[in-house]
PDB file of N, CA and C in Angstrom:
ATOM      1  N   MET A   1     -36.622   0.222 116.593  1.00  0.00           N
ATOM      2  CA  MET A   1     -36.273  -0.410 115.345  1.00  0.00           C
ATOM      3  C   MET A   1     -34.749  -0.374 115.209  1.00  0.00           C
ATOM      4  N   SER A   2     -34.160  -1.519 114.968  1.00  0.00           N
ATOM      5  CA  SER A   2     -32.703  -1.587 114.876  1.00  0.00           C
ATOM      6  C   SER A   2     -32.251  -1.379 113.432  1.00  0.00           C
ATOM      7  N   LYS A   3     -31.056  -0.841 113.331  1.00  0.00           N
ATOM      8  CA  LYS A   3     -30.487  -0.606 112.009  1.00  0.00           C
ATOM      9  C   LYS A   3     -29.987  -1.925 111.417  1.00  0.00           C
ATOM     10  N   PRO A   4     -30.161  -2.081 110.125  1.00  0.00           N
ATOM     11  CA  PRO A   4     -29.606  -3.289 109.509  1.00  0.00           C
ATOM     12  C   PRO A   4     -28.072  -3.182 109.468  1.00  0.00           C
ATOM     13  N   LYS A   5     -27.421  -4.301 109.705  1.00  0.00           N
ATOM     14  CA  LYS A   5     -25.963  -4.312 109.692  1.00  0.00           C
ATOM     15  C   LYS A   5     -25.440  -4.279 108.262  1.00  0.00           C
ATOM     16  N   ARG A   6     -24.408  -3.493 108.098  1.00  0.00           N
ATOM     17  CA  ARG A   6     -23.766  -3.440 106.782  1.00  0.00           C
ATOM     18  C   ARG A   6     -22.761  -4.570 106.704  1.00  0.00           C
ATOM     19  N   VAL A   7     -22.888  -5.353 105.706  1.00  0.00           N
ATOM     20  CA  VAL A   7     -21.966  -6.457 105.512  1.00  0.00           C
ATOM     21  C   VAL A   7     -20.900  -6.010 104.518  1.00  0.00           C
ATOM     22  N   ALA A   8     -19.654  -6.122 104.924  1.00  0.00           N
ATOM     23  CA  ALA A   8     -18.565  -5.749 104.030  1.00  0.00           C
ATOM     24  C   ALA A   8     -18.469  -6.759 102.901  1.00  0.00           C
ATOM     25  N   ARG A   9     -18.257  -6.234 101.695  1.00  0.00           N
ATOM     26  CA  ARG A   9     -18.124  -7.130 100.552  1.00  0.00           C
ATOM     27  C   ARG A   9     -16.821  -7.891 100.648  1.00  0.00           C
ATOM     28  N   LYS A  10     -16.919  -9.168 100.478  1.00  0.00           N
ATOM     29  CA  LYS A  10     -15.746 -10.012 100.548  1.00  0.00           C
ATOM     30  C   LYS A  10     -15.032 -10.007  99.203  1.00  0.00           C
ATOM     31  N   ARG A  11     -13.715 -10.045  99.260  1.00  0.00           N
ATOM     32  CA  ARG A  11     -12.949 -10.123  98.029  1.00  0.00           C
ATOM     33  C   ARG A  11     -13.175 -11.463  97.369  1.00  0.00           C
ATOM     34  N   ALA A  12     -13.101 -11.448  96.063  1.00  0.00           N
ATOM     35  CA  ALA A  12     -13.346 -12.678  95.322  1.00  0.00           C
ATOM     36  C   ALA A  12     -12.181 -13.642  95.442  1.00  0.00           C
ATOM     37  N   SER A  13     -10.971 -13.145  95.471  1.00  0.00           N
ATOM     38  CA  SER A  13      -9.816 -14.033  95.561  1.00  0.00           C
ATOM     39  C   SER A  13      -8.632 -13.259  96.116  1.00  0.00           C
ATOM     40  N   GLY A  14      -7.610 -13.995  96.519  1.00  0.00           N
ATOM     41  CA  GLY A  14      -6.387 -13.384  97.002  1.00  0.00           C
ATOM     42  C   GLY A  14      -5.393 -13.206  95.873  1.00  0.00           C
ATOM     43  N   PHE A  15      -4.306 -12.516  96.159  1.00  0.00           N
ATOM     44  CA  PHE A  15      -3.339 -12.179  95.118  1.00  0.00           C
ATOM     45  C   PHE A  15      -2.642 -13.407  94.553  1.00  0.00           C
ATOM     46  N   LEU A  16      -2.275 -14.340  95.391  1.00  0.00           N
ATOM     47  CA  LEU A  16      -1.504 -15.488  94.932  1.00  0.00           C
ATOM     48  C   LEU A  16      -2.356 -16.621  94.367  1.00  0.00           C
ATOM     49  N   SER A  17      -3.654 -16.443  94.327  1.00  0.00           N
ATOM     50  CA  SER A  17      -4.528 -17.492  93.804  1.00  0.00           C
ATOM     51  C   SER A  17      -4.916 -17.187  92.358  1.00  0.00           C
ATOM     52  N   LEU A  18      -5.485 -18.182  91.715  1.00  0.00           N
ATOM     53  CA  LEU A  18      -6.021 -17.981  90.377  1.00  0.00           C
ATOM     54  C   LEU A  18      -7.357 -17.260  90.483  1.00  0.00           C
ATOM     55  N   PRO A  19      -7.826 -16.645  89.401  1.00  0.00           N
ATOM     56  CA  PRO A  19      -9.104 -15.928  89.461  1.00  0.00           C
ATOM     57  C   PRO A  19     -10.259 -16.846  89.852  1.00  0.00           C
ATOM     58  N   SER A  20     -11.193 -16.298  90.619  1.00  0.00           N
ATOM     59  CA  SER A  20     -12.330 -17.096  91.061  1.00  0.00           C
ATOM     60  C   SER A  20     -13.649 -16.649  90.434  1.00  0.00           C
ATOM     61  N   THR A  21     -13.706 -15.440  89.903  1.00  0.00           N
ATOM     62  CA  THR A  21     -14.928 -14.971  89.256  1.00  0.00           C
ATOM     63  C   THR A  21     -14.890 -15.324  87.781  1.00  0.00           C
ATOM     64  N   SER A  22     -16.043 -15.346  87.156  1.00  0.00           N
ATOM     65  CA  SER A  22     -16.096 -15.729  85.738  1.00  0.00           C
ATOM     66  C   SER A  22     -15.398 -14.685  84.863  1.00  0.00           C
ATOM     67  N   ILE A  23     -15.576 -13.418  85.164  1.00  0.00           N
ATOM     68  CA  ILE A  23     -14.930 -12.385  84.354  1.00  0.00           C
ATOM     69  C   ILE A  23     -13.416 -12.373  84.602  1.00  0.00           C
ATOM     70  N   GLY A  24     -12.999 -12.717  85.803  1.00  0.00           N
ATOM     71  CA  GLY A  24     -11.576 -12.846  86.088  1.00  0.00           C
ATOM     72  C   GLY A  24     -10.965 -14.020  85.343  1.00  0.00           C
ATOM     73  N   LYS A  25     -11.718 -15.108  85.232  1.00  0.00           N
ATOM     74  CA  LYS A  25     -11.237 -16.264  84.469  1.00  0.00           C
ATOM     75  C   LYS A  25     -11.143 -15.925  82.983  1.00  0.00           C
ATOM     76  N   TRP A  26     -12.093 -15.160  82.476  1.00  0.00           N
ATOM     77  CA  TRP A  26     -12.016 -14.710  81.093  1.00  0.00           C
ATOM     78  C   TRP A  26     -10.782 -13.841  80.877  1.00  0.00           C
ATOM     79  N   SER A  27     -10.531 -12.955  81.805  1.00  0.00           N
ATOM     80  CA  SER A  27      -9.370 -12.083  81.702  1.00  0.00           C
ATOM     81  C   SER A  27      -8.075 -12.897  81.695  1.00  0.00           C
ATOM     82  N   ALA A  28      -7.987 -13.880  82.566  1.00  0.00           N
ATOM     83  CA  ALA A  28      -6.787 -14.719  82.622  1.00  0.00           C
ATOM     84  C   ALA A  28      -6.646 -15.565  81.364  1.00  0.00           C
ATOM     85  N   GLY A  29      -7.739 -16.091  80.867  1.00  0.00           N
ATOM     86  CA  GLY A  29      -7.687 -16.871  79.636  1.00  0.00           C
ATOM     87  C   GLY A  29      -7.259 -16.039  78.443  1.00  0.00           C
ATOM     88  N   LEU A  30      -7.799 -14.832  78.344  1.00  0.00           N
ATOM     89  CA  LEU A  30      -7.388 -13.936  77.266  1.00  0.00           C
ATOM     90  C   LEU A  30      -5.949 -13.469  77.439  1.00  0.00           C
ATOM     91  N   LEU A  31      -5.486 -13.375  78.685  1.00  0.00           N
ATOM     92  CA  LEU A  31      -4.086 -13.045  78.939  1.00  0.00           C
ATOM     93  C   LEU A  31      -3.179 -14.140  78.394  1.00  0.00           C
ATOM     94  N   VAL A  32      -3.520 -15.392  78.648  1.00  0.00           N
ATOM     95  CA  VAL A  32      -2.722 -16.509  78.134  1.00  0.00           C
ATOM     96  C   VAL A  32      -2.722 -16.487  76.610  1.00  0.00           C
ATOM     97  N   LEU A  33      -3.887 -16.266  76.000  1.00  0.00           N
ATOM     98  CA  LEU A  33      -3.972 -16.177  74.544  1.00  0.00           C
ATOM     99  C   LEU A  33      -3.132 -15.009  74.020  1.00  0.00           C
ATOM    100  N   SER A  34      -3.166 -13.876  74.713  1.00  0.00           N
ATOM    101  CA  SER A  34      -2.371 -12.718  74.308  1.00  0.00           C
ATOM    102  C   SER A  34      -0.882 -13.028  74.349  1.00  0.00           C
ATOM    103  N   LEU A  35      -0.441 -13.695  75.411  1.00  0.00           N
ATOM    104  CA  LEU A  35       0.977 -14.023  75.513  1.00  0.00           C
ATOM    105  C   LEU A  35       1.397 -15.018  74.440  1.00  0.00           C
ATOM    106  N   VAL A  36       0.525 -15.963  74.106  1.00  0.00           N
ATOM    107  CA  VAL A  36       0.824 -16.905  73.019  1.00  0.00           C
ATOM    108  C   VAL A  36       0.914 -16.162  71.683  1.00  0.00           C
ATOM    109  N   LEU A  37      -0.014 -15.240  71.430  1.00  0.00           N
ATOM    110  CA  LEU A  37       0.020 -14.467  70.186  1.00  0.00           C
ATOM    111  C   LEU A  37       1.249 -13.584  70.102  1.00  0.00           C
ATOM    112  N   ILE A  38       1.660 -12.982  71.214  1.00  0.00           N
ATOM    113  CA  ILE A  38       2.867 -12.148  71.219  1.00  0.00           C
ATOM    114  C   ILE A  38       4.095 -13.004  70.930  1.00  0.00           C
ATOM    115  N   LEU A  39       4.169 -14.172  71.547  1.00  0.00           N
ATOM    116  CA  LEU A  39       5.287 -15.086  71.307  1.00  0.00           C
ATOM    117  C   LEU A  39       5.291 -15.580  69.859  1.00  0.00           C
ATOM    118  N   LEU A  40       4.128 -15.938  69.340  1.00  0.00           N
ATOM    119  CA  LEU A  40       4.019 -16.380  67.957  1.00  0.00           C
ATOM    120  C   LEU A  40       4.409 -15.264  66.990  1.00  0.00           C
ATOM    121  N   ASN A  41       4.015 -14.049  67.299  1.00  0.00           N
ATOM    122  CA  ASN A  41       4.370 -12.906  66.466  1.00  0.00           C
ATOM    123  C   ASN A  41       5.876 -12.688  66.456  1.00  0.00           C
ATOM    124  N   THR A  42       6.491 -12.790  67.612  1.00  0.00           N
ATOM    125  CA  THR A  42       7.922 -12.533  67.714  1.00  0.00           C
ATOM    126  C   THR A  42       8.750 -13.634  67.059  1.00  0.00           C
ATOM    127  N   LEU A  43       8.347 -14.880  67.245  1.00  0.00           N
ATOM    128  CA  LEU A  43       9.169 -15.993  66.772  1.00  0.00           C
ATOM    129  C   LEU A  43       8.859 -16.438  65.347  1.00  0.00           C
ATOM    130  N   VAL A  44       7.638 -16.228  64.868  1.00  0.00           N
ATOM    131  CA  VAL A  44       7.271 -16.756  63.558  1.00  0.00           C
ATOM    132  C   VAL A  44       6.907 -15.654  62.564  1.00  0.00           C
ATOM    133  N   VAL A  45       5.927 -14.831  62.911  1.00  0.00           N
ATOM    134  CA  VAL A  45       5.369 -13.897  61.932  1.00  0.00           C
ATOM    135  C   VAL A  45       6.369 -12.813  61.551  1.00  0.00           C
ATOM    136  N   MET A  46       7.016 -12.202  62.522  1.00  0.00           N
ATOM    137  CA  MET A  46       7.954 -11.117  62.197  1.00  0.00           C
ATOM    138  C   MET A  46       9.151 -11.577  61.367  1.00  0.00           C
ATOM    139  N   PRO A  47       9.805 -12.700  61.694  1.00  0.00           N
ATOM    140  CA  PRO A  47      10.907 -13.135  60.829  1.00  0.00           C
ATOM    141  C   PRO A  47      10.471 -13.464  59.399  1.00  0.00           C
ATOM    142  N   VAL A  48       9.285 -14.045  59.234  1.00  0.00           N
ATOM    143  CA  VAL A  48       8.814 -14.380  57.885  1.00  0.00           C
ATOM    144  C   VAL A  48       8.506 -13.117  57.095  1.00  0.00           C
ATOM    145  N   THR A  49       7.859 -12.139  57.724  1.00  0.00           N
ATOM    146  CA  THR A  49       7.522 -10.909  57.002  1.00  0.00           C
ATOM    147  C   THR A  49       8.748 -10.050  56.721  1.00  0.00           C
ATOM    148  N   GLU A  50       9.827 -10.221  57.482  1.00  0.00           N
ATOM    149  CA  GLU A  50      11.054  -9.489  57.186  1.00  0.00           C
ATOM    150  C   GLU A  50      11.792 -10.093  55.995  1.00  0.00           C
ATOM    151  N   LEU A  51      11.653 -11.407  55.797  1.00  0.00           N
ATOM    152  CA  LEU A  51      12.347 -12.067  54.695  1.00  0.00           C
ATOM    153  C   LEU A  51      11.624 -11.889  53.371  1.00  0.00           C
ATOM    154  N   ARG A  52      10.311 -11.825  53.393  1.00  0.00           N
ATOM    155  CA  ARG A  52       9.533 -11.737  52.162  1.00  0.00           C
ATOM    156  C   ARG A  52       8.847 -10.384  52.076  1.00  0.00           C
ATOM    157  N   THR A  53       8.846  -9.826  50.894  1.00  0.00           N
ATOM    158  CA  THR A  53       8.163  -8.544  50.701  1.00  0.00           C
ATOM    159  C   THR A  53       6.698  -8.795  50.384  1.00  0.00           C
ATOM    160  N   GLY A  54       5.878  -7.805  50.617  1.00  0.00           N
ATOM    161  CA  GLY A  54       4.459  -7.898  50.314  1.00  0.00           C
ATOM    162  C   GLY A  54       3.620  -8.500  51.424  1.00  0.00           C
ATOM    163  N   LEU A  55       4.196  -8.755  52.575  1.00  0.00           N
ATOM    164  CA  LEU A  55       3.444  -9.334  53.680  1.00  0.00           C
ATOM    165  C   LEU A  55       3.197  -8.330  54.807  1.00  0.00           C
ATOM    166  N   GLU A  56       3.334  -7.050  54.502  1.00  0.00           N
ATOM    167  CA  GLU A  56       3.135  -6.037  55.539  1.00  0.00           C
ATOM    168  C   GLU A  56       1.697  -6.025  56.039  1.00  0.00           C
ATOM    169  N   LEU A  57       0.755  -6.281  55.133  1.00  0.00           N
ATOM    170  CA  LEU A  57      -0.652  -6.308  55.536  1.00  0.00           C
ATOM    171  C   LEU A  57      -0.910  -7.454  56.507  1.00  0.00           C
ATOM    172  N   ALA A  58      -0.327  -8.601  56.249  1.00  0.00           N
ATOM    173  CA  ALA A  58      -0.495  -9.744  57.157  1.00  0.00           C
ATOM    174  C   ALA A  58       0.093  -9.427  58.528  1.00  0.00           C
ATOM    175  N   GLN A  59       1.241  -8.765  58.549  1.00  0.00           N
ATOM    176  CA  GLN A  59       1.855  -8.377  59.823  1.00  0.00           C
ATOM    177  C   GLN A  59       0.970  -7.396  60.574  1.00  0.00           C
ATOM    178  N   ASN A  60       0.418  -6.419  59.862  1.00  0.00           N
ATOM    179  CA  ASN A  60      -0.450  -5.434  60.507  1.00  0.00           C
ATOM    180  C   ASN A  60      -1.736  -6.059  61.043  1.00  0.00           C
ATOM    181  N   VAL A  61      -2.312  -6.991  60.289  1.00  0.00           N
ATOM    182  CA  VAL A  61      -3.537  -7.666  60.737  1.00  0.00           C
ATOM    183  C   VAL A  61      -3.242  -8.499  61.985  1.00  0.00           C
ATOM    184  N   PHE A  62      -2.115  -9.207  61.994  1.00  0.00           N
ATOM    185  CA  PHE A  62      -1.763 -10.017  63.155  1.00  0.00           C
ATOM    186  C   PHE A  62      -1.495  -9.134  64.378  1.00  0.00           C
ATOM    187  N   ASN A  63      -0.815  -8.003  64.170  1.00  0.00           N
ATOM    188  CA  ASN A  63      -0.573  -7.070  65.275  1.00  0.00           C
ATOM    189  C   ASN A  63      -1.883  -6.521  65.824  1.00  0.00           C
ATOM    190  N   PHE A  64      -2.817  -6.200  64.946  1.00  0.00           N
ATOM    191  CA  PHE A  64      -4.104  -5.666  65.388  1.00  0.00           C
ATOM    192  C   PHE A  64      -4.896  -6.715  66.163  1.00  0.00           C
ATOM    193  N   ALA A  65      -4.879  -7.959  65.685  1.00  0.00           N
ATOM    194  CA  ALA A  65      -5.576  -9.039  66.399  1.00  0.00           C
ATOM    195  C   ALA A  65      -4.965  -9.259  67.782  1.00  0.00           C
ATOM    196  N   THR A  66      -3.643  -9.178  67.865  1.00  0.00           N
ATOM    197  CA  THR A  66      -2.969  -9.328  69.154  1.00  0.00           C
ATOM    198  C   THR A  66      -3.346  -8.185  70.094  1.00  0.00           C
ATOM    199  N   PHE A  67      -3.378  -6.965  69.566  1.00  0.00           N
ATOM    200  CA  PHE A  67      -3.752  -5.825  70.406  1.00  0.00           C
ATOM    201  C   PHE A  67      -5.199  -5.948  70.883  1.00  0.00           C
ATOM    202  N   LEU A  68      -6.095  -6.409  70.024  1.00  0.00           N
ATOM    203  CA  LEU A  68      -7.486  -6.589  70.448  1.00  0.00           C
ATOM    204  C   LEU A  68      -7.595  -7.617  71.560  1.00  0.00           C
ATOM    205  N   CYS A  69      -6.799  -8.659  71.483  1.00  0.00           N
ATOM    206  CA  CYS A  69      -6.815  -9.682  72.530  1.00  0.00           C
ATOM    207  C   CYS A  69      -6.272  -9.112  73.843  1.00  0.00           C
ATOM    208  N   VAL A  70      -5.190  -8.341  73.764  1.00  0.00           N
ATOM    209  CA  VAL A  70      -4.628  -7.701  74.962  1.00  0.00           C
ATOM    210  C   VAL A  70      -5.627  -6.707  75.546  1.00  0.00           C
ATOM    211  N   ALA A  71      -6.283  -5.931  74.670  1.00  0.00           N
ATOM    212  CA  ALA A  71      -7.239  -4.930  75.144  1.00  0.00           C
ATOM    213  C   ALA A  71      -8.447  -5.591  75.809  1.00  0.00           C
ATOM    214  N   SER A  72      -8.958  -6.651  75.208  1.00  0.00           N
ATOM    215  CA  SER A  72     -10.116  -7.307  75.820  1.00  0.00           C
ATOM    216  C   SER A  72      -9.736  -7.970  77.148  1.00  0.00           C
ATOM    217  N   SER A  73      -8.524  -8.487  77.223  1.00  0.00           N
ATOM    218  CA  SER A  73      -8.053  -9.060  78.488  1.00  0.00           C
ATOM    219  C   SER A  73      -7.928  -7.975  79.563  1.00  0.00           C
ATOM    220  N   GLY A  74      -7.362  -6.841  79.196  1.00  0.00           N
ATOM    221  CA  GLY A  74      -7.185  -5.755  80.155  1.00  0.00           C
ATOM    222  C   GLY A  74      -8.490  -5.128  80.600  1.00  0.00           C
ATOM    223  N   ILE A  75      -9.400  -4.928  79.667  1.00  0.00           N
ATOM    224  CA  ILE A  75     -10.683  -4.312  80.015  1.00  0.00           C
ATOM    225  C   ILE A  75     -11.510  -5.252  80.887  1.00  0.00           C
ATOM    226  N   SER A  76     -11.518  -6.544  80.537  1.00  0.00           N
ATOM    227  CA  SER A  76     -12.244  -7.485  81.397  1.00  0.00           C
ATOM    228  C   SER A  76     -11.562  -7.608  82.760  1.00  0.00           C
ATOM    229  N   GLY A  77     -10.249  -7.468  82.794  1.00  0.00           N
ATOM    230  CA  GLY A  77      -9.538  -7.458  84.070  1.00  0.00           C
ATOM    231  C   GLY A  77      -9.894  -6.248  84.913  1.00  0.00           C
ATOM    232  N   LEU A  78      -9.993  -5.090  84.280  1.00  0.00           N
ATOM    233  CA  LEU A  78     -10.417  -3.889  85.005  1.00  0.00           C
ATOM    234  C   LEU A  78     -11.823  -4.046  85.572  1.00  0.00           C
ATOM    235  N   LEU A  79     -12.713  -4.610  84.774  1.00  0.00           N
ATOM    236  CA  LEU A  79     -14.070  -4.840  85.263  1.00  0.00           C
ATOM    237  C   LEU A  79     -14.074  -5.824  86.432  1.00  0.00           C
ATOM    238  N   ALA A  80     -13.236  -6.849  86.335  1.00  0.00           N
ATOM    239  CA  ALA A  80     -13.161  -7.813  87.434  1.00  0.00           C
ATOM    240  C   ALA A  80     -12.607  -7.166  88.698  1.00  0.00           C
ATOM    241  N   LEU A  81     -11.624  -6.283  88.536  1.00  0.00           N
ATOM    242  CA  LEU A  81     -11.049  -5.600  89.699  1.00  0.00           C
ATOM    243  C   LEU A  81     -12.055  -4.673  90.365  1.00  0.00           C
ATOM    244  N   VAL A  82     -12.768  -3.915  89.563  1.00  0.00           N
ATOM    245  CA  VAL A  82     -13.652  -2.890  90.105  1.00  0.00           C
ATOM    246  C   VAL A  82     -14.995  -3.472  90.553  1.00  0.00           C
ATOM    247  N   MET A  83     -15.617  -4.255  89.698  1.00  0.00           N
ATOM    248  CA  MET A  83     -16.971  -4.711  89.993  1.00  0.00           C
ATOM    249  C   MET A  83     -17.013  -5.961  90.876  1.00  0.00           C
ATOM    250  N   LYS A  84     -16.108  -6.891  90.637  1.00  0.00           N
ATOM    251  CA  LYS A  84     -16.153  -8.169  91.350  1.00  0.00           C
ATOM    252  C   LYS A  84     -15.089  -8.300  92.429  1.00  0.00           C
ATOM    253  N   ARG A  85     -14.277  -7.275  92.599  1.00  0.00           N
ATOM    254  CA  ARG A  85     -13.218  -7.246  93.618  1.00  0.00           C
ATOM    255  C   ARG A  85     -12.247  -8.418  93.480  1.00  0.00           C
ATOM    256  N   GLU A  86     -11.937  -8.752  92.250  1.00  0.00           N
ATOM    257  CA  GLU A  86     -10.969  -9.810  91.962  1.00  0.00           C
ATOM    258  C   GLU A  86      -9.572  -9.284  92.278  1.00  0.00           C
ATOM    259  N   ARG A  87      -8.752 -10.092  92.925  1.00  0.00           N
ATOM    260  CA  ARG A  87      -7.410  -9.652  93.305  1.00  0.00           C
ATOM    261  C   ARG A  87      -6.340 -10.664  92.900  1.00  0.00           C
ATOM    262  N   SER A  88      -6.598 -11.428  91.878  1.00  0.00           N
ATOM    263  CA  SER A  88      -5.651 -12.433  91.429  1.00  0.00           C
ATOM    264  C   SER A  88      -4.487 -11.790  90.675  1.00  0.00           C
ATOM    265  N   TRP A  89      -3.322 -12.421  90.776  1.00  0.00           N
ATOM    266  CA  TRP A  89      -2.143 -11.895  90.087  1.00  0.00           C
ATOM    267  C   TRP A  89      -2.351 -11.894  88.575  1.00  0.00           C
ATOM    268  N   ALA A  90      -3.080 -12.856  88.048  1.00  0.00           N
ATOM    269  CA  ALA A  90      -3.288 -12.933  86.604  1.00  0.00           C
ATOM    270  C   ALA A  90      -4.094 -11.737  86.101  1.00  0.00           C
ATOM    271  N   VAL A  91      -5.053 -11.289  86.882  1.00  0.00           N
ATOM    272  CA  VAL A  91      -5.862 -10.135  86.484  1.00  0.00           C
ATOM    273  C   VAL A  91      -5.015  -8.861  86.531  1.00  0.00           C
ATOM    274  N   PHE A  92      -4.162  -8.737  87.542  1.00  0.00           N
ATOM    275  CA  PHE A  92      -3.272  -7.572  87.603  1.00  0.00           C
ATOM    276  C   PHE A  92      -2.299  -7.561  86.432  1.00  0.00           C
ATOM    277  N   VAL A  93      -1.772  -8.716  86.057  1.00  0.00           N
ATOM    278  CA  VAL A  93      -0.851  -8.789  84.914  1.00  0.00           C
ATOM    279  C   VAL A  93      -1.580  -8.409  83.627  1.00  0.00           C
ATOM    280  N   ALA A  94      -2.822  -8.844  83.475  1.00  0.00           N
ATOM    281  CA  ALA A  94      -3.604  -8.490  82.291  1.00  0.00           C
ATOM    282  C   ALA A  94      -3.813  -6.985  82.200  1.00  0.00           C
ATOM    283  N   VAL A  95      -4.128  -6.363  83.323  1.00  0.00           N
ATOM    284  CA  VAL A  95      -4.337  -4.909  83.326  1.00  0.00           C
ATOM    285  C   VAL A  95      -3.021  -4.176  83.045  1.00  0.00           C
ATOM    286  N   LEU A  96      -1.928  -4.642  83.624  1.00  0.00           N
ATOM    287  CA  LEU A  96      -0.630  -4.004  83.376  1.00  0.00           C
ATOM    288  C   LEU A  96      -0.194  -4.147  81.917  1.00  0.00           C
ATOM    289  N   LEU A  97      -0.430  -5.302  81.315  1.00  0.00           N
ATOM    290  CA  LEU A  97      -0.098  -5.485  79.905  1.00  0.00           C
ATOM    291  C   LEU A  97      -0.955  -4.577  79.027  1.00  0.00           C
ATOM    292  N   PHE A  98      -2.214  -4.402  79.398  1.00  0.00           N
ATOM    293  CA  PHE A  98      -3.099  -3.502  78.666  1.00  0.00           C
ATOM    294  C   PHE A  98      -2.606  -2.057  78.761  1.00  0.00           C
ATOM    295  N   ILE A  99      -2.222  -1.626  79.957  1.00  0.00           N
ATOM    296  CA  ILE A  99      -1.710  -0.265  80.128  1.00  0.00           C
ATOM    297  C   ILE A  99      -0.428  -0.065  79.319  1.00  0.00           C
ATOM    298  N   LEU A 100       0.442  -1.066  79.313  1.00  0.00           N
ATOM    299  CA  LEU A 100       1.677  -0.989  78.531  1.00  0.00           C
ATOM    300  C   LEU A 100       1.378  -0.900  77.037  1.00  0.00           C
ATOM    301  N   ALA A 101       0.454  -1.718  76.556  1.00  0.00           N
ATOM    302  CA  ALA A 101       0.119  -1.703  75.125  1.00  0.00           C
ATOM    303  C   ALA A 101      -0.493  -0.372  74.705  1.00  0.00           C
ATOM    304  N   VAL A 102      -1.392   0.146  75.519  1.00  0.00           N
ATOM    305  CA  VAL A 102      -2.006   1.439  75.191  1.00  0.00           C
ATOM    306  C   VAL A 102      -0.960   2.550  75.253  1.00  0.00           C
ATOM    307  N   GLY A 103      -0.106   2.506  76.252  1.00  0.00           N
ATOM    308  CA  GLY A 103       0.950   3.516  76.362  1.00  0.00           C
ATOM    309  C   GLY A 103       1.905   3.500  75.185  1.00  0.00           C
ATOM    310  N   LEU A 104       2.293   2.314  74.743  1.00  0.00           N
ATOM    311  CA  LEU A 104       3.202   2.221  73.599  1.00  0.00           C
ATOM    312  C   LEU A 104       2.529   2.658  72.302  1.00  0.00           C
ATOM    313  N   ASN A 105       1.226   2.447  72.190  1.00  0.00           N
ATOM    314  CA  ASN A 105       0.518   2.895  70.991  1.00  0.00           C
ATOM    315  C   ASN A 105       0.243   4.391  70.996  1.00  0.00           C
ATOM    316  N   LEU A 106       0.104   4.979  72.173  1.00  0.00           N
ATOM    317  CA  LEU A 106      -0.162   6.422  72.245  1.00  0.00           C
ATOM    318  C   LEU A 106       1.116   7.266  72.319  1.00  0.00           C
ATOM    319  N   ALA A 107       2.245   6.661  72.609  1.00  0.00           N
ATOM    320  CA  ALA A 107       3.494   7.401  72.806  1.00  0.00           C
ATOM    321  C   ALA A 107       3.881   8.269  71.604  1.00  0.00           C
ATOM    322  N   PRO A 108       3.769   7.793  70.369  1.00  0.00           N
ATOM    323  CA  PRO A 108       4.160   8.669  69.247  1.00  0.00           C
ATOM    324  C   PRO A 108       3.299   9.912  69.131  1.00  0.00           C
ATOM    325  N   TYR A 109       2.063   9.839  69.581  1.00  0.00           N
ATOM    326  CA  TYR A 109       1.163  10.990  69.474  1.00  0.00           C
ATOM    327  C   TYR A 109       1.330  11.980  70.631  1.00  0.00           C
ATOM    328  N   LEU A 110       1.897  11.514  71.732  1.00  0.00           N
ATOM    329  CA  LEU A 110       2.055  12.369  72.897  1.00  0.00           C
ATOM    330  C   LEU A 110       3.405  13.068  72.944  1.00  0.00           C
ATOM    331  N   HIS A 111       4.347  12.565  72.183  1.00  0.00           N
ATOM    332  CA  HIS A 111       5.693  13.133  72.205  1.00  0.00           C
ATOM    333  C   HIS A 111       5.728  14.367  71.292  1.00  0.00           C
ATOM    334  N   PRO A 112       6.216  15.494  71.819  1.00  0.00           N
ATOM    335  CA  PRO A 112       6.278  16.696  70.963  1.00  0.00           C
ATOM    336  C   PRO A 112       7.314  16.511  69.855  1.00  0.00           C
ATOM    337  N   ALA A 113       6.953  16.948  68.686  1.00  0.00           N
ATOM    338  CA  ALA A 113       7.836  16.760  67.524  1.00  0.00           C
ATOM    339  C   ALA A 113       8.935  17.775  67.450  1.00  0.00           C
TER     340      ALA A 113
END
């Protein structure tokens, strides 16, 4: 009786290509949305809330929505990297942006006072 051959899992995509798996495409799409929200926050929302008082809640809600978009992009990117072996540059950028966002949010709590 012969042993069955082990077939190596093929990567879903190369680094310089766009994502090829569905979860990788979701990650890239959410990355684009995250970058648009960050740009919109920097160019529109922050200057308006600095000029007018009483809009701190709107700024906080927009920041939270942006963080949720970055987090969902990063988490779906991590799943694409680990489970589907996605290797697209867009998925790596999504994961790196997620790590940066989490690090910047946790930094005040990790720094000794």
